[in-house]
Amino acid sequence: MSSHCQYSFADLFEAAFGEKPSKSALEELYSLTQDERNIVVRDWVRRAEWESFDITGTDGVVYASFGPKGSEPCK
């Protein structure tokens, strides 16, 4: 099984929208706060019909981990 950590935002964007993201689309995503980024990521996950799990990093910040259904989340 694959890990959600193996997928990039670009992979998720392509799964959600059927095309590679533009550089500006990714730059816009990176410019968001982590909470805002998690909201966008969860929307893309819904569109891609993937799944997402909240992972708390060692820094105490919550990150939206994502991957195709049935894959294992980051740990």
Protein backbone atom coordinates (compact mmCIF):
# COMPACT_ATOMS: atom_id res chain seq x y z
CA MET A 1 0.00 0.00 0.00
CA SER A 2 1.12 3.54 -0.69
CA SER A 3 1.40 6.34 1.82
CA HIS A 4 -0.42 9.65 1.59
CA CYS A 5 2.97 11.30 2.12
CA GLN A 6 3.99 10.03 -1.31
CA TYR A 7 1.59 12.41 -3.08
CA SER A 8 2.28 16.05 -3.81
CA PHE A 9 -0.12 18.97 -4.06
CA ALA A 10 0.46 18.81 -7.82
CA ASP A 11 -0.62 15.14 -7.85
CA LEU A 12 -3.75 16.00 -5.89
CA PHE A 13 -4.56 18.97 -8.15
CA GLU A 14 -4.23 16.80 -11.25
CA ALA A 15 -6.50 14.14 -9.74
CA ALA A 16 -9.07 16.78 -8.80
CA PHE A 17 -9.06 18.87 -11.98
CA GLY A 18 -7.70 16.56 -14.70
CA GLU A 19 -4.75 18.78 -15.56
CA LYS A 20 -1.39 19.76 -14.14
CA PRO A 21 -1.49 22.84 -11.91
CA SER A 22 0.05 26.08 -13.04
CA LYS A 23 3.01 27.43 -11.12
CA SER A 24 0.82 30.29 -9.88
CA ALA A 25 -1.84 27.88 -8.56
CA LEU A 26 0.75 26.12 -6.41
CA GLU A 27 2.34 29.41 -5.33
CA GLU A 28 -1.08 30.61 -4.21
CA LEU A 29 -1.60 27.42 -2.20
CA TYR A 30 1.82 27.77 -0.54
CA SER A 31 1.08 31.39 0.39
CA LEU A 32 -1.90 30.38 2.55
CA THR A 33 -1.76 29.75 6.27
CA GLN A 34 -1.75 26.07 7.20
CA ASP A 35 -5.40 26.22 8.29
CA GLU A 36 -6.40 27.84 4.98
CA ARG A 37 -4.26 25.36 3.02
CA ASN A 38 -5.95 22.45 4.80
CA ILE A 39 -9.36 23.77 3.71
CA VAL A 40 -8.26 23.97 0.06
CA VAL A 41 -6.61 20.55 0.22
CA ARG A 42 -9.77 18.96 1.66
CA ASP A 43 -11.80 20.50 -1.17
CA TRP A 44 -9.39 19.09 -3.76
CA VAL A 45 -9.51 15.71 -1.99
CA ARG A 46 -13.31 15.73 -2.26
CA ARG A 47 -13.16 16.61 -5.96
CA ALA A 48 -10.54 13.89 -6.63
CA GLU A 49 -12.56 11.36 -4.62
CA TRP A 50 -9.44 10.67 -2.55
CA GLU A 51 -9.32 10.66 1.25
CA SER A 52 -7.71 12.87 3.84
CA PHE A 53 -6.59 12.42 7.42
CA ASP A 54 -5.51 15.07 9.88
CA ILE A 55 -1.96 14.52 11.04
CA THR A 56 -0.43 16.52 13.88
CA GLY A 57 3.21 17.27 13.19
CA THR A 58 5.95 17.33 15.79
CA ASP A 59 5.51 21.11 15.69
CA GLY A 60 1.92 20.72 16.96
CA VAL A 61 0.46 21.95 13.65
CA VAL A 62 -2.36 19.97 11.99
CA TYR A 63 -1.67 18.95 8.39
CA ALA A 64 -4.18 17.45 5.94
CA SER A 65 -2.58 14.23 4.70
CA PHE A 66 -4.08 12.91 1.47
CA GLY A 67 -4.01 10.06 -0.99
CA PRO A 68 -6.19 7.78 -3.10
CA LYS A 69 -8.80 5.79 -1.19
CA GLY A 70 -7.31 2.76 0.49
CA SER A 71 -3.82 4.17 0.86
CA GLU A 72 -2.18 4.50 4.27
CA PRO A 73 -1.88 7.98 5.79
CA CYS A 74 1.39 9.56 6.84
CA LYS A 75 2.37 8.73 10.37
